[in-house]
Amino acid sequence: MKFRERITINPNICHGKPCIRGMRWPVEVVLDLLASEMTIAEILADHPELEKEDIMACLEYAKALVSGKSIDLAA
């Protein structure tokens, strides 16, 4: 699970929501951008602090959640 390298949870950042690399970029916001039909290229152009791997990690994390896998990001 490569997303473990990019998705972090810190109770002091975004109320403990899963975020990208400790930044104030919650996974749910990236998923919202994708759901609004923005392309990865458009997201990256608008938000240069993000990397393609960050977006892919959000998708992989969401997939793991809906698959019912146990996810522990504290490790």
N, C-alpha and C. Protein backbone atom coordinates (compact mmCIF):
# COMPACT_ATOMS: atom_id res chain seq x y z
N MET A 1 0.83 -1.18 0.00
CA MET A 1 0.00 0.00 0.00
C MET A 1 0.87 1.24 0.00
N LYS A 2 1.08 1.78 -1.17
CA LYS A 2 1.95 2.94 -1.32
C LYS A 2 1.40 4.19 -0.66
N PHE A 3 0.07 4.25 -0.47
CA PHE A 3 -0.52 5.48 0.07
C PHE A 3 0.00 5.78 1.47
N ARG A 4 0.50 4.80 2.18
CA ARG A 4 1.01 5.02 3.53
C ARG A 4 2.18 6.00 3.55
N GLU A 5 2.88 6.13 2.43
CA GLU A 5 4.01 7.07 2.34
C GLU A 5 3.52 8.51 2.17
N ARG A 6 2.25 8.69 1.77
CA ARG A 6 1.77 10.02 1.42
C ARG A 6 0.59 10.50 2.25
N ILE A 7 -0.21 9.58 2.77
CA ILE A 7 -1.41 9.96 3.53
C ILE A 7 -1.07 9.89 5.02
N THR A 8 -1.32 10.99 5.71
CA THR A 8 -0.99 11.07 7.13
C THR A 8 -2.21 11.52 7.93
N ILE A 9 -2.21 11.17 9.19
CA ILE A 9 -3.24 11.65 10.10
C ILE A 9 -2.56 12.26 11.31
N ASN A 10 -2.88 13.51 11.56
CA ASN A 10 -2.34 14.24 12.69
C ASN A 10 -3.50 14.99 13.34
N PRO A 11 -3.78 14.75 14.61
CA PRO A 11 -4.92 15.41 15.24
C PRO A 11 -4.84 16.93 15.22
N ASN A 12 -3.66 17.48 14.99
CA ASN A 12 -3.47 18.93 14.97
C ASN A 12 -3.61 19.53 13.57
N ILE A 13 -3.83 18.69 12.57
CA ILE A 13 -3.96 19.18 11.19
C ILE A 13 -5.32 18.74 10.66
N CYS A 14 -6.13 19.70 10.25
CA CYS A 14 -7.45 19.45 9.66
C CYS A 14 -8.31 18.54 10.52
N HIS A 15 -8.26 18.78 11.81
CA HIS A 15 -9.11 18.03 12.77
C HIS A 15 -8.87 16.53 12.71
N GLY A 16 -7.66 16.13 12.36
CA GLY A 16 -7.33 14.70 12.35
C GLY A 16 -7.80 13.95 11.12
N LYS A 17 -8.25 14.67 10.10
CA LYS A 17 -8.66 14.01 8.86
C LYS A 17 -7.41 13.51 8.12
N PRO A 18 -7.55 12.45 7.33
CA PRO A 18 -6.41 12.00 6.52
C PRO A 18 -6.02 13.10 5.54
N CYS A 19 -4.74 13.44 5.53
CA CYS A 19 -4.22 14.52 4.69
C CYS A 19 -3.03 14.03 3.87
N ILE A 20 -2.65 14.86 2.92
CA ILE A 20 -1.50 14.56 2.08
C ILE A 20 -0.24 15.08 2.73
N ARG A 21 0.68 14.19 2.99
CA ARG A 21 2.03 14.50 3.47
C ARG A 21 2.07 15.53 4.60
N GLY A 22 1.11 15.47 5.51
CA GLY A 22 1.12 16.38 6.64
C GLY A 22 0.73 17.81 6.30
N MET A 23 0.37 18.04 5.04
CA MET A 23 -0.08 19.38 4.64
C MET A 23 -1.56 19.52 4.96
N ARG A 24 -2.07 20.70 4.81
CA ARG A 24 -3.50 20.93 5.04
C ARG A 24 -4.30 20.65 3.77
N TRP A 25 -4.07 19.47 3.24
CA TRP A 25 -4.77 18.98 2.05
C TRP A 25 -5.46 17.68 2.41
N PRO A 26 -6.71 17.74 2.90
CA PRO A 26 -7.42 16.50 3.22
C PRO A 26 -7.66 15.65 1.97
N VAL A 27 -7.62 14.37 2.16
CA VAL A 27 -7.89 13.42 1.07
C VAL A 27 -9.26 13.73 0.46
N GLU A 28 -10.25 14.02 1.29
CA GLU A 28 -11.60 14.24 0.78
C GLU A 28 -11.65 15.43 -0.18
N VAL A 29 -10.82 16.44 0.01
CA VAL A 29 -10.81 17.59 -0.90
C VAL A 29 -10.28 17.17 -2.27
N VAL A 30 -9.24 16.38 -2.28
CA VAL A 30 -8.69 15.90 -3.56
C VAL A 30 -9.73 15.03 -4.26
N LEU A 31 -10.41 14.17 -3.52
CA LEU A 31 -11.45 13.34 -4.12
C LEU A 31 -12.60 14.20 -4.65
N ASP A 32 -12.93 15.28 -3.94
CA ASP A 32 -13.96 16.21 -4.42
C ASP A 32 -13.54 16.85 -5.75
N LEU A 33 -12.28 17.22 -5.85
CA LEU A 33 -11.79 17.81 -7.10
C LEU A 33 -11.92 16.83 -8.25
N LEU A 34 -11.54 15.59 -8.00
CA LEU A 34 -11.66 14.56 -9.03
C LEU A 34 -13.13 14.30 -9.38
N ALA A 35 -13.98 14.28 -8.37
CA ALA A 35 -15.41 14.05 -8.59
C ALA A 35 -16.06 15.19 -9.37
N SER A 36 -15.48 16.38 -9.28
CA SER A 36 -15.99 17.53 -10.03
C SER A 36 -15.52 17.51 -11.48
N GLU A 37 -14.86 16.43 -11.85
CA GLU A 37 -14.37 16.18 -13.21
C GLU A 37 -13.12 16.96 -13.58
N MET A 38 -12.42 17.47 -12.57
CA MET A 38 -11.10 18.05 -12.86
C MET A 38 -10.16 16.90 -13.19
N THR A 39 -9.29 17.13 -14.15
CA THR A 39 -8.29 16.12 -14.46
C THR A 39 -7.12 16.25 -13.49
N ILE A 40 -6.33 15.21 -13.45
CA ILE A 40 -5.13 15.26 -12.61
C ILE A 40 -4.25 16.42 -13.05
N ALA A 41 -4.11 16.60 -14.35
CA ALA A 41 -3.27 17.69 -14.88
C ALA A 41 -3.81 19.05 -14.43
N GLU A 42 -5.13 19.23 -14.44
CA GLU A 42 -5.72 20.50 -14.01
C GLU A 42 -5.48 20.74 -12.52
N ILE A 43 -5.64 19.70 -11.74
CA ILE A 43 -5.41 19.83 -10.29
C ILE A 43 -3.96 20.22 -10.03
N LEU A 44 -3.05 19.56 -10.69
CA LEU A 44 -1.62 19.85 -10.48
C LEU A 44 -1.26 21.26 -10.96
N ALA A 45 -1.87 21.70 -12.04
CA ALA A 45 -1.60 23.05 -12.55
C ALA A 45 -2.11 24.11 -11.57
N ASP A 46 -3.28 23.86 -10.98
CA ASP A 46 -3.87 24.82 -10.04
C ASP A 46 -3.20 24.78 -8.66
N HIS A 47 -2.62 23.64 -8.31
CA HIS A 47 -2.06 23.44 -6.98
C HIS A 47 -0.67 22.80 -7.08
N PRO A 48 0.34 23.60 -7.40
CA PRO A 48 1.68 23.06 -7.64
C PRO A 48 2.34 22.39 -6.44
N GLU A 49 1.80 22.60 -5.24
CA GLU A 49 2.36 21.93 -4.07
C GLU A 49 2.00 20.44 -4.05
N LEU A 50 1.02 20.06 -4.86
CA LEU A 50 0.65 18.64 -4.96
C LEU A 50 1.46 17.95 -6.05
N GLU A 51 1.59 16.66 -5.90
CA GLU A 51 2.28 15.84 -6.89
C GLU A 51 1.32 14.76 -7.37
N LYS A 52 1.56 14.27 -8.57
CA LYS A 52 0.69 13.23 -9.11
C LYS A 52 0.58 12.05 -8.14
N GLU A 53 1.66 11.70 -7.49
CA GLU A 53 1.68 10.59 -6.54
C GLU A 53 0.74 10.84 -5.37
N ASP A 54 0.56 12.12 -4.99
CA ASP A 54 -0.37 12.47 -3.92
C ASP A 54 -1.81 12.12 -4.33
N ILE A 55 -2.16 12.48 -5.54
CA ILE A 55 -3.51 12.21 -6.04
C ILE A 55 -3.75 10.71 -6.15
N MET A 56 -2.77 10.00 -6.66
CA MET A 56 -2.90 8.56 -6.79
C MET A 56 -3.01 7.91 -5.41
N ALA A 57 -2.29 8.44 -4.43
CA ALA A 57 -2.37 7.91 -3.06
C ALA A 57 -3.77 8.11 -2.49
N CYS A 58 -4.40 9.25 -2.81
CA CYS A 58 -5.77 9.49 -2.34
C CYS A 58 -6.72 8.45 -2.92
N LEU A 59 -6.56 8.15 -4.19
CA LEU A 59 -7.41 7.14 -4.82
C LEU A 59 -7.16 5.76 -4.23
N GLU A 60 -5.91 5.43 -4.01
CA GLU A 60 -5.58 4.13 -3.43
C GLU A 60 -6.12 4.02 -2.00
N TYR A 61 -6.03 5.10 -1.24
CA TYR A 61 -6.55 5.12 0.12
C TYR A 61 -8.06 4.93 0.11
N ALA A 62 -8.75 5.65 -0.77
CA ALA A 62 -10.21 5.51 -0.87
C ALA A 62 -10.59 4.09 -1.26
N LYS A 63 -9.86 3.50 -2.17
CA LYS A 63 -10.13 2.12 -2.58
C LYS A 63 -9.97 1.17 -1.40
N ALA A 64 -8.92 1.36 -0.63
CA ALA A 64 -8.70 0.50 0.54
C ALA A 64 -9.84 0.65 1.54
N LEU A 65 -10.32 1.88 1.73
CA LEU A 65 -11.42 2.10 2.67
C LEU A 65 -12.69 1.39 2.24
N VAL A 66 -13.05 1.51 0.98
CA VAL A 66 -14.29 0.91 0.52
C VAL A 66 -14.19 -0.61 0.39
N SER A 67 -12.98 -1.11 0.35
CA SER A 67 -12.80 -2.57 0.26
C SER A 67 -12.98 -3.23 1.63
N GLY A 68 -13.03 -2.41 2.68
CA GLY A 68 -13.21 -2.93 4.02
C GLY A 68 -11.91 -3.33 4.71
N LYS A 69 -10.78 -3.00 4.10
CA LYS A 69 -9.50 -3.31 4.72
C LYS A 69 -9.29 -2.45 5.95
N SER A 70 -8.60 -3.02 6.93
CA SER A 70 -8.24 -2.27 8.12
C SER A 70 -7.04 -1.38 7.79
N ILE A 71 -7.17 -0.11 8.09
CA ILE A 71 -6.10 0.85 7.74
C ILE A 71 -5.64 1.53 9.01
N ASP A 72 -4.34 1.44 9.27
CA ASP A 72 -3.75 2.11 10.42
C ASP A 72 -2.63 2.99 9.92
N LEU A 73 -2.86 4.29 9.87
CA LEU A 73 -1.84 5.22 9.37
C LEU A 73 -0.91 5.70 10.48
N ALA A 74 -1.20 5.32 11.68
CA ALA A 74 -0.35 5.75 12.81
C ALA A 74 1.00 5.05 12.78
N ALA A 75 1.08 3.92 12.12
CA ALA A 75 2.33 3.15 12.08
C ALA A 75 3.35 3.79 11.19
